[in-house]
């Protein structure tokens, strides 16, 4: 299962602030249909049917089945951007 670092948890919670999303919203990671092996990240109001849901300290990540398979041995980390706007997410091996 995808692990979430402390930095990723904080970044996900920070992204939700000021967004017009329900409390159960989260960051969704899904396979790109037109690019094999590529993933996209975006805020989603709820998981899609079949999504794996990872929740830690009020931060939620929704993984579509293909992404869940690709990321089962990874950790999601976040790094603050130099401009101070949105963070950059990266995948690491725990």
PDB file of N, CA and C in Angstrom:
ATOM      1  N   UNK A   1       0.837  -1.177   0.000  1.00  0.00           N
ATOM      2  CA  UNK A   1       0.000   0.000   0.000  1.00  0.00           C
ATOM      3  C   UNK A   1       0.885   1.245   0.000  1.00  0.00           C
ATOM      4  N   UNK A   2       0.456   2.263  -0.707  1.00  0.00           N
ATOM      5  CA  UNK A   2       1.176   3.530  -0.749  1.00  0.00           C
ATOM      6  C   UNK A   2       1.251   4.116   0.657  1.00  0.00           C
ATOM      7  N   UNK A   3       2.447   4.519   1.057  1.00  0.00           N
ATOM      8  CA  UNK A   3       2.641   5.181   2.352  1.00  0.00           C
ATOM      9  C   UNK A   3       2.645   6.690   2.128  1.00  0.00           C
ATOM     10  N   UNK A   4       2.273   7.434   3.155  1.00  0.00           N
ATOM     11  CA  UNK A   4       2.280   8.896   3.100  1.00  0.00           C
ATOM     12  C   UNK A   4       3.280   9.422   4.112  1.00  0.00           C
ATOM     13  N   UNK A   5       4.208  10.261   3.668  1.00  0.00           N
ATOM     14  CA  UNK A   5       5.146  10.878   4.605  1.00  0.00           C
ATOM     15  C   UNK A   5       4.431  12.002   5.353  1.00  0.00           C
ATOM     16  N   UNK A   6       5.042  12.449   6.443  1.00  0.00           N
ATOM     17  CA  UNK A   6       4.474  13.573   7.194  1.00  0.00           C
ATOM     18  C   UNK A   6       4.331  14.802   6.297  1.00  0.00           C
ATOM     19  N   UNK A   7       5.319  15.038   5.444  1.00  0.00           N
ATOM     20  CA  UNK A   7       5.275  16.191   4.535  1.00  0.00           C
ATOM     21  C   UNK A   7       4.114  16.082   3.553  1.00  0.00           C
ATOM     22  N   UNK A   8       3.861  14.885   3.050  1.00  0.00           N
ATOM     23  CA  UNK A   8       2.747  14.686   2.119  1.00  0.00           C
ATOM     24  C   UNK A   8       1.410  14.911   2.818  1.00  0.00           C
ATOM     25  N   UNK A   9       1.283  14.409   4.033  1.00  0.00           N
ATOM     26  CA  UNK A   9       0.043  14.605   4.795  1.00  0.00           C
ATOM     27  C   UNK A   9      -0.226  16.093   4.977  1.00  0.00           C
ATOM     28  N   UNK A  10       0.782  16.835   5.387  1.00  0.00           N
ATOM     29  CA  UNK A  10       0.601  18.272   5.605  1.00  0.00           C
ATOM     30  C   UNK A  10       0.282  18.991   4.296  1.00  0.00           C
ATOM     31  N   UNK A  11       0.957  18.617   3.219  1.00  0.00           N
ATOM     32  CA  UNK A  11       0.722  19.256   1.923  1.00  0.00           C
ATOM     33  C   UNK A  11      -0.702  19.001   1.429  1.00  0.00           C
ATOM     34  N   UNK A  12      -1.191  17.783   1.596  1.00  0.00           N
ATOM     35  CA  UNK A  12      -2.558  17.460   1.174  1.00  0.00           C
ATOM     36  C   UNK A  12      -3.557  18.271   1.991  1.00  0.00           C
ATOM     37  N   UNK A  13      -3.352  18.328   3.292  1.00  0.00           N
ATOM     38  CA  UNK A  13      -4.256  19.127   4.138  1.00  0.00           C
ATOM     39  C   UNK A  13      -4.201  20.597   3.745  1.00  0.00           C
ATOM     40  N   UNK A  14      -3.012  21.113   3.462  1.00  0.00           N
ATOM     41  CA  UNK A  14      -2.867  22.517   3.059  1.00  0.00           C
ATOM     42  C   UNK A  14      -3.578  22.798   1.732  1.00  0.00           C
ATOM     43  N   UNK A  15      -3.526  21.839   0.799  1.00  0.00           N
ATOM     44  CA  UNK A  15      -4.192  22.023  -0.491  1.00  0.00           C
ATOM     45  C   UNK A  15      -5.702  22.164  -0.337  1.00  0.00           C
ATOM     46  N   UNK A  16      -6.255  21.516   0.665  1.00  0.00           N
ATOM     47  CA  UNK A  16      -7.705  21.534   0.869  1.00  0.00           C
ATOM     48  C   UNK A  16      -8.198  22.866   1.439  1.00  0.00           C
ATOM     49  N   UNK A  17      -7.316  23.604   2.094  1.00  0.00           N
ATOM     50  CA  UNK A  17      -7.710  24.864   2.726  1.00  0.00           C
ATOM     51  C   UNK A  17      -8.152  25.859   1.654  1.00  0.00           C
ATOM     52  N   UNK A  18      -9.308  26.415   1.847  1.00  0.00           N
ATOM     53  CA  UNK A  18      -9.813  27.416   0.920  1.00  0.00           C
ATOM     54  C   UNK A  18     -10.461  26.856  -0.335  1.00  0.00           C
ATOM     55  N   UNK A  19     -10.419  25.553  -0.513  1.00  0.00           N
ATOM     56  CA  UNK A  19     -11.071  24.933  -1.666  1.00  0.00           C
ATOM     57  C   UNK A  19     -12.529  24.656  -1.311  1.00  0.00           C
ATOM     58  N   UNK A  20     -13.389  24.739  -2.282  1.00  0.00           N
ATOM     59  CA  UNK A  20     -14.810  24.476  -2.069  1.00  0.00           C
ATOM     60  C   UNK A  20     -15.068  22.980  -2.273  1.00  0.00           C
ATOM     61  N   UNK A  21     -14.557  22.196  -1.332  1.00  0.00           N
ATOM     62  CA  UNK A  21     -14.664  20.742  -1.411  1.00  0.00           C
ATOM     63  C   UNK A  21     -15.268  20.207  -0.122  1.00  0.00           C
ATOM     64  N   UNK A  22     -15.975  19.083  -0.199  1.00  0.00           N
ATOM     65  CA  UNK A  22     -16.521  18.487   1.023  1.00  0.00           C
ATOM     66  C   UNK A  22     -15.405  17.953   1.919  1.00  0.00           C
ATOM     67  N   UNK A  23     -15.730  17.712   3.166  1.00  0.00           N
ATOM     68  CA  UNK A  23     -14.733  17.257   4.131  1.00  0.00           C
ATOM     69  C   UNK A  23     -14.105  15.924   3.733  1.00  0.00           C
ATOM     70  N   UNK A  24     -14.845  15.095   3.014  1.00  0.00           N
ATOM     71  CA  UNK A  24     -14.319  13.779   2.619  1.00  0.00           C
ATOM     72  C   UNK A  24     -13.481  13.833   1.347  1.00  0.00           C
ATOM     73  N   UNK A  25     -13.174  15.010   0.852  1.00  0.00           N
ATOM     74  CA  UNK A  25     -12.367  15.163  -0.362  1.00  0.00           C
ATOM     75  C   UNK A  25     -10.928  14.722  -0.115  1.00  0.00           C
ATOM     76  N   UNK A  26     -10.199  14.528  -1.198  1.00  0.00           N
ATOM     77  CA  UNK A  26      -8.806  14.120  -1.075  1.00  0.00           C
ATOM     78  C   UNK A  26      -8.048  14.326  -2.371  1.00  0.00           C
ATOM     79  N   UNK A  27      -6.822  13.871  -2.367  1.00  0.00           N
ATOM     80  CA  UNK A  27      -5.959  13.917  -3.544  1.00  0.00           C
ATOM     81  C   UNK A  27      -6.137  12.595  -4.281  1.00  0.00           C
ATOM     82  N   UNK A  28      -6.513  12.650  -5.550  1.00  0.00           N
ATOM     83  CA  UNK A  28      -6.703  11.420  -6.321  1.00  0.00           C
ATOM     84  C   UNK A  28      -5.516  11.228  -7.253  1.00  0.00           C
ATOM     85  N   UNK A  29      -5.009  10.015  -7.267  1.00  0.00           N
ATOM     86  CA  UNK A  29      -3.926   9.633  -8.172  1.00  0.00           C
ATOM     87  C   UNK A  29      -4.496   8.579  -9.110  1.00  0.00           C
ATOM     88  N   UNK A  30      -4.424   8.875 -10.398  1.00  0.00           N
ATOM     89  CA  UNK A  30      -5.009   7.975 -11.391  1.00  0.00           C
ATOM     90  C   UNK A  30      -4.062   7.820 -12.570  1.00  0.00           C
ATOM     91  N   UNK A  31      -4.168   6.672 -13.218  1.00  0.00           N
ATOM     92  CA  UNK A  31      -3.380   6.428 -14.425  1.00  0.00           C
ATOM     93  C   UNK A  31      -3.925   7.296 -15.553  1.00  0.00           C
ATOM     94  N   UNK A  32      -3.017   7.871 -16.335  1.00  0.00           N
ATOM     95  CA  UNK A  32      -3.432   8.652 -17.505  1.00  0.00           C
ATOM     96  C   UNK A  32      -3.823   7.679 -18.607  1.00  0.00           C
ATOM     97  N   UNK A  33      -5.001   7.861 -19.151  1.00  0.00           N
ATOM     98  CA  UNK A  33      -5.505   6.947 -20.173  1.00  0.00           C
ATOM     99  C   UNK A  33      -4.669   6.978 -21.443  1.00  0.00           C
ATOM    100  N   UNK A  34      -4.133   8.138 -21.790  1.00  0.00           N
ATOM    101  CA  UNK A  34      -3.421   8.273 -23.059  1.00  0.00           C
ATOM    102  C   UNK A  34      -1.906   8.126 -22.955  1.00  0.00           C
ATOM    103  N   UNK A  35      -1.389   7.885 -21.735  1.00  0.00           N
ATOM    104  CA  UNK A  35       0.057   7.749 -21.556  1.00  0.00           C
ATOM    105  C   UNK A  35       0.347   6.581 -20.613  1.00  0.00           C
ATOM    106  N   UNK A  36       0.699   5.447 -21.161  1.00  0.00           N
ATOM    107  CA  UNK A  36       0.949   4.256 -20.359  1.00  0.00           C
ATOM    108  C   UNK A  36       2.038   4.514 -19.325  1.00  0.00           C
ATOM    109  N   UNK A  37       1.777   4.127 -18.091  1.00  0.00           N
ATOM    110  CA  UNK A  37       2.750   4.284 -17.019  1.00  0.00           C
ATOM    111  C   UNK A  37       2.794   5.667 -16.405  1.00  0.00           C
ATOM    112  N   UNK A  38       2.001   6.606 -16.922  1.00  0.00           N
ATOM    113  CA  UNK A  38       1.973   7.969 -16.381  1.00  0.00           C
ATOM    114  C   UNK A  38       0.790   8.137 -15.436  1.00  0.00           C
ATOM    115  N   UNK A  39       0.991   8.968 -14.436  1.00  0.00           N
ATOM    116  CA  UNK A  39      -0.049   9.209 -13.442  1.00  0.00           C
ATOM    117  C   UNK A  39      -0.397  10.685 -13.399  1.00  0.00           C
ATOM    118  N   UNK A  40      -1.613  10.987 -12.976  1.00  0.00           N
ATOM    119  CA  UNK A  40      -2.021  12.365 -12.760  1.00  0.00           C
ATOM    120  C   UNK A  40      -2.561  12.500 -11.344  1.00  0.00           C
ATOM    121  N   UNK A  41      -2.337  13.666 -10.761  1.00  0.00           N
ATOM    122  CA  UNK A  41      -2.803  13.969  -9.412  1.00  0.00           C
ATOM    123  C   UNK A  41      -3.736  15.160  -9.494  1.00  0.00           C
ATOM    124  N   UNK A  42      -4.850  15.083  -8.770  1.00  0.00           N
ATOM    125  CA  UNK A  42      -5.784  16.199  -8.727  1.00  0.00           C
ATOM    126  C   UNK A  42      -6.665  16.061  -7.493  1.00  0.00           C
ATOM    127  N   UNK A  43      -7.247  17.167  -7.073  1.00  0.00           N
ATOM    128  CA  UNK A  43      -8.161  17.149  -5.943  1.00  0.00           C
ATOM    129  C   UNK A  43      -9.491  16.582  -6.403  1.00  0.00           C
ATOM    130  N   UNK A  44     -10.074  15.716  -5.581  1.00  0.00           N
ATOM    131  CA  UNK A  44     -11.356  15.094  -5.909  1.00  0.00           C
ATOM    132  C   UNK A  44     -12.274  15.175  -4.700  1.00  0.00           C
ATOM    133  N   UNK A  45     -13.550  15.371  -4.949  1.00  0.00           N
ATOM    134  CA  UNK A  45     -14.501  15.511  -3.850  1.00  0.00           C
ATOM    135  C   UNK A  45     -14.779  14.189  -3.147  1.00  0.00           C
ATOM    136  N   UNK A  46     -14.568  13.078  -3.847  1.00  0.00           N
ATOM    137  CA  UNK A  46     -14.787  11.762  -3.244  1.00  0.00           C
ATOM    138  C   UNK A  46     -14.078  10.715  -4.099  1.00  0.00           C
ATOM    139  N   UNK A  47     -13.873   9.522  -3.543  1.00  0.00           N
ATOM    140  CA  UNK A  47     -13.252   8.464  -4.346  1.00  0.00           C
ATOM    141  C   UNK A  47     -14.217   7.955  -5.415  1.00  0.00           C
ATOM    142  N   UNK A  48     -13.665   7.417  -6.473  1.00  0.00           N
ATOM    143  CA  UNK A  48     -14.458   6.770  -7.512  1.00  0.00           C
ATOM    144  C   UNK A  48     -14.664   5.307  -7.120  1.00  0.00           C
ATOM    145  N   UNK A  49     -15.705   4.664  -7.642  1.00  0.00           N
ATOM    146  CA  UNK A  49     -15.887   3.236  -7.358  1.00  0.00           C
ATOM    147  C   UNK A  49     -14.620   2.465  -7.734  1.00  0.00           C
ATOM    148  N   UNK A  50     -14.168   1.609  -6.843  1.00  0.00           N
ATOM    149  CA  UNK A  50     -12.971   0.810  -7.077  1.00  0.00           C
ATOM    150  C   UNK A  50     -11.691   1.444  -6.580  1.00  0.00           C
ATOM    151  N   UNK A  51     -11.734   2.715  -6.187  1.00  0.00           N
ATOM    152  CA  UNK A  51     -10.536   3.377  -5.673  1.00  0.00           C
ATOM    153  C   UNK A  51     -10.120   2.796  -4.328  1.00  0.00           C
ATOM    154  N   UNK A  52      -8.822   2.718  -4.120  1.00  0.00           N
ATOM    155  CA  UNK A  52      -8.269   2.402  -2.802  1.00  0.00           C
ATOM    156  C   UNK A  52      -8.152   3.735  -2.061  1.00  0.00           C
ATOM    157  N   UNK A  53      -8.611   3.776  -0.828  1.00  0.00           N
ATOM    158  CA  UNK A  53      -8.580   5.014  -0.048  1.00  0.00           C
ATOM    159  C   UNK A  53      -7.541   4.874   1.059  1.00  0.00           C
ATOM    160  N   UNK A  54      -6.625   5.828   1.107  1.00  0.00           N
ATOM    161  CA  UNK A  54      -5.608   5.878   2.152  1.00  0.00           C
ATOM    162  C   UNK A  54      -5.887   7.137   2.959  1.00  0.00           C
ATOM    163  N   UNK A  55      -6.025   6.970   4.263  1.00  0.00           N
ATOM    164  CA  UNK A  55      -6.324   8.118   5.116  1.00  0.00           C
ATOM    165  C   UNK A  55      -5.349   8.143   6.280  1.00  0.00           C
ATOM    166  N   UNK A  56      -4.784   9.326   6.514  1.00  0.00           N
ATOM    167  CA  UNK A  56      -3.869   9.504   7.638  1.00  0.00           C
ATOM    168  C   UNK A  56      -3.985  10.935   8.139  1.00  0.00           C
ATOM    169  N   UNK A  57      -4.303  11.093   9.397  1.00  0.00           N
ATOM    170  CA  UNK A  57      -4.368  12.423  10.027  1.00  0.00           C
ATOM    171  C   UNK A  57      -5.199  13.410   9.211  1.00  0.00           C
ATOM    172  N   UNK A  58      -6.382  13.002   8.811  1.00  0.00           N
ATOM    173  CA  UNK A  58      -7.326  13.840   8.051  1.00  0.00           C
ATOM    174  C   UNK A  58      -6.872  14.172   6.636  1.00  0.00           C
ATOM    175  N   UNK A  59      -5.862  13.510   6.132  1.00  0.00           N
ATOM    176  CA  UNK A  59      -5.464  13.648   4.727  1.00  0.00           C
ATOM    177  C   UNK A  59      -5.874  12.361   4.017  1.00  0.00           C
ATOM    178  N   UNK A  60      -6.523  12.510   2.864  1.00  0.00           N
ATOM    179  CA  UNK A  60      -6.997  11.353   2.121  1.00  0.00           C
ATOM    180  C   UNK A  60      -6.393  11.326   0.719  1.00  0.00           C
ATOM    181  N   UNK A  61      -6.030  10.108   0.305  1.00  0.00           N
ATOM    182  CA  UNK A  61      -5.542   9.877  -1.055  1.00  0.00           C
ATOM    183  C   UNK A  61      -6.405   8.775  -1.646  1.00  0.00           C
ATOM    184  N   UNK A  62      -6.883   9.017  -2.861  1.00  0.00           N
ATOM    185  CA  UNK A  62      -7.676   8.032  -3.587  1.00  0.00           C
ATOM    186  C   UNK A  62      -6.829   7.521  -4.746  1.00  0.00           C
ATOM    187  N   UNK A  63      -6.668   6.202  -4.816  1.00  0.00           N
ATOM    188  CA  UNK A  63      -5.868   5.591  -5.884  1.00  0.00           C
ATOM    189  C   UNK A  63      -6.767   4.764  -6.783  1.00  0.00           C
ATOM    190  N   UNK A  64      -6.741   5.049  -8.082  1.00  0.00           N
ATOM    191  CA  UNK A  64      -7.495   4.180  -8.973  1.00  0.00           C
ATOM    192  C   UNK A  64      -6.783   2.824  -8.994  1.00  0.00           C
ATOM    193  N   UNK A  65      -7.453   1.754  -9.424  1.00  0.00           N
ATOM    194  CA  UNK A  65      -6.851   0.416  -9.336  1.00  0.00           C
ATOM    195  C   UNK A  65      -5.483   0.292 -10.001  1.00  0.00           C
ATOM    196  N   UNK A  66      -5.291   0.914 -11.160  1.00  0.00           N
ATOM    197  CA  UNK A  66      -3.993   0.818 -11.837  1.00  0.00           C
ATOM    198  C   UNK A  66      -2.907   1.546 -11.046  1.00  0.00           C
ATOM    199  N   UNK A  67      -3.224   2.724 -10.540  1.00  0.00           N
ATOM    200  CA  UNK A  67      -2.257   3.477  -9.736  1.00  0.00           C
ATOM    201  C   UNK A  67      -1.925   2.714  -8.458  1.00  0.00           C
ATOM    202  N   UNK A  68      -2.928   2.115  -7.830  1.00  0.00           N
ATOM    203  CA  UNK A  68      -2.696   1.358  -6.598  1.00  0.00           C
ATOM    204  C   UNK A  68      -1.719   0.221  -6.847  1.00  0.00           C
ATOM    205  N   UNK A  69      -1.854  -0.437  -7.984  1.00  0.00           N
ATOM    206  CA  UNK A  69      -0.945  -1.527  -8.329  1.00  0.00           C
ATOM    207  C   UNK A  69       0.476  -1.014  -8.567  1.00  0.00           C
ATOM    208  N   UNK A  70       0.599   0.098  -9.262  1.00  0.00           N
ATOM    209  CA  UNK A  70       1.917   0.666  -9.564  1.00  0.00           C
ATOM    210  C   UNK A  70       2.627   1.206  -8.322  1.00  0.00           C
ATOM    211  N   UNK A  71       1.858   1.663  -7.336  1.00  0.00           N
ATOM    212  CA  UNK A  71       2.435   2.376  -6.194  1.00  0.00           C
ATOM    213  C   UNK A  71       2.432   1.579  -4.895  1.00  0.00           C
ATOM    214  N   UNK A  72       2.177   0.289  -4.969  1.00  0.00           N
ATOM    215  CA  UNK A  72       2.022  -0.500  -3.747  1.00  0.00           C
ATOM    216  C   UNK A  72       3.264  -0.522  -2.864  1.00  0.00           C
ATOM    217  N   UNK A  73       4.437  -0.304  -3.442  1.00  0.00           N
ATOM    218  CA  UNK A  73       5.678  -0.343  -2.655  1.00  0.00           C
ATOM    219  C   UNK A  73       6.350   1.024  -2.583  1.00  0.00           C
ATOM    220  N   UNK A  74       5.576   2.091  -2.701  1.00  0.00           N
ATOM    221  CA  UNK A  74       6.128   3.444  -2.726  1.00  0.00           C
ATOM    222  C   UNK A  74       5.583   4.283  -1.585  1.00  0.00           C
ATOM    223  N   UNK A  75       6.223   5.436  -1.398  1.00  0.00           N
ATOM    224  CA  UNK A  75       5.751   6.438  -0.439  1.00  0.00           C
ATOM    225  C   UNK A  75       5.551   7.741  -1.194  1.00  0.00           C
ATOM    226  N   UNK A  76       4.493   8.457  -0.856  1.00  0.00           N
ATOM    227  CA  UNK A  76       4.240   9.775  -1.429  1.00  0.00           C
ATOM    228  C   UNK A  76       4.838  10.813  -0.495  1.00  0.00           C
ATOM    229  N   UNK A  77       5.710  11.651  -1.048  1.00  0.00           N
ATOM    230  CA  UNK A  77       6.356  12.709  -0.280  1.00  0.00           C
ATOM    231  C   UNK A  77       6.018  14.037  -0.946  1.00  0.00           C
ATOM    232  N   UNK A  78       6.194  15.122  -0.223  1.00  0.00           N
ATOM    233  CA  UNK A  78       5.932  16.454  -0.773  1.00  0.00           C
ATOM    234  C   UNK A  78       7.076  17.379  -0.409  1.00  0.00           C
ATOM    235  N   UNK A  79       7.378  18.278  -1.338  1.00  0.00           N
ATOM    236  CA  UNK A  79       8.424  19.275  -1.142  1.00  0.00           C
ATOM    237  C   UNK A  79       7.809  20.632  -1.448  1.00  0.00           C
ATOM    238  N   UNK A  80       8.068  21.603  -0.588  1.00  0.00           N
ATOM    239  CA  UNK A  80       7.552  22.950  -0.821  1.00  0.00           C
ATOM    240  C   UNK A  80       8.179  23.525  -2.081  1.00  0.00           C
ATOM    241  N   UNK A  81       7.373  24.219  -2.860  1.00  0.00           N
ATOM    242  CA  UNK A  81       7.906  24.845  -4.069  1.00  0.00           C
ATOM    243  C   UNK A  81       8.684  26.100  -3.695  1.00  0.00           C
ATOM    244  N   UNK A  82       9.616  26.468  -4.550  1.00  0.00           N
ATOM    245  CA  UNK A  82      10.428  27.659  -4.294  1.00  0.00           C
ATOM    246  C   UNK A  82       9.575  28.921  -4.272  1.00  0.00           C
ATOM    247  N   UNK A  83       8.512  28.926  -5.056  1.00  0.00           N
ATOM    248  CA  UNK A  83       7.649  30.107  -5.119  1.00  0.00           C
ATOM    249  C   UNK A  83       6.679  30.171  -3.946  1.00  0.00           C
ATOM    250  N   UNK A  84       6.613  29.078  -3.174  1.00  0.00           N
ATOM    251  CA  UNK A  84       5.726  29.059  -2.018  1.00  0.00           C
ATOM    252  C   UNK A  84       4.278  28.783  -2.361  1.00  0.00           C
ATOM    253  N   UNK A  85       4.009  28.392  -3.601  1.00  0.00           N
ATOM    254  CA  UNK A  85       2.632  28.104  -3.980  1.00  0.00           C
ATOM    255  C   UNK A  85       2.329  26.636  -3.709  1.00  0.00           C
ATOM    256  N   UNK A  86       1.985  25.901  -4.698  1.00  0.00           N
ATOM    257  CA  UNK A  86       1.630  24.488  -4.507  1.00  0.00           C
ATOM    258  C   UNK A  86       2.882  23.623  -4.343  1.00  0.00           C
ATOM    259  N   UNK A  87       2.773  22.581  -3.532  1.00  0.00           N
ATOM    260  CA  UNK A  87       3.930  21.701  -3.329  1.00  0.00           C
ATOM    261  C   UNK A  87       4.166  20.809  -4.545  1.00  0.00           C
ATOM    262  N   UNK A  88       5.342  20.238  -4.586  1.00  0.00           N
ATOM    263  CA  UNK A  88       5.660  19.211  -5.575  1.00  0.00           C
ATOM    264  C   UNK A  88       5.588  17.874  -4.861  1.00  0.00           C
ATOM    265  N   UNK A  89       4.907  16.937  -5.481  1.00  0.00           N
ATOM    266  CA  UNK A  89       4.826  15.595  -4.917  1.00  0.00           C
ATOM    267  C   UNK A  89       5.812  14.702  -5.651  1.00  0.00           C
ATOM    268  N   UNK A  90       6.386  13.756  -4.907  1.00  0.00           N
ATOM    269  CA  UNK A  90       7.311  12.798  -5.513  1.00  0.00           C
ATOM    270  C   UNK A  90       7.085  11.442  -4.863  1.00  0.00           C
ATOM    271  N   UNK A  91       7.443  10.416  -5.607  1.00  0.00           N
ATOM    272  CA  UNK A  91       7.319   9.048  -5.117  1.00  0.00           C
ATOM    273  C   UNK A  91       8.692   8.536  -4.740  1.00  0.00           C
ATOM    274  N   UNK A  92       8.776   7.911  -3.578  1.00  0.00           N
ATOM    275  CA  UNK A  92      10.035   7.354  -3.103  1.00  0.00           C
ATOM    276  C   UNK A  92       9.807   5.906  -2.684  1.00  0.00           C
ATOM    277  N   UNK A  93      10.881   5.233  -2.418  1.00  0.00           N
ATOM    278  CA  UNK A  93      10.785   3.878  -1.845  1.00  0.00           C
ATOM    279  C   UNK A  93      11.052   3.998  -0.353  1.00  0.00           C
ATOM    280  N   UNK A  94      10.102   3.535   0.456  1.00  0.00           N
ATOM    281  CA  UNK A  94      10.292   3.683   1.923  1.00  0.00           C
ATOM    282  C   UNK A  94      11.423   2.828   2.459  1.00  0.00           C
TER     283      UNK A  94
END
